[in-house]
């Protein structure tokens, strides 16, 4: 776990997630006996307003961010990602009778645009806004 590896080596690590309860569990579980800190911020990285809120909160506490790990991701419950061939993968992703276009869009929204939006704010450039 990236968070644990950084925090155990003395880093202050901000973790972000949609569910405060899950964030609190991570902090409680992995903060024991470490030299760094794990700090939870509740937010949805697929929502631009939440990204701005996260940015403002970290900016109010830190002069800069030294490392950004953009690894939020989801997978649709109806998608089978394991396949032996390209044809099987195509069938799993695009021809599953239970999969909907909305499932794919929701997965895409979390896995792709968030990387761009989460990387845009620069905590080391105070004048930069989104």
Foldseek 3Di string as FASTA:
>chain_A
DVVLVQQQVAEAAEDEEQDPVVLVVCQVVRVPPGNHHYHYDYFALLDLVRLQVVLVVVLVPDQFDDDDDLDDFDAQPQADCDDDDPVVNCCRPPVRPPDDPVSVVVRCSRGPVSVVSNPQDTSNDVVDDD
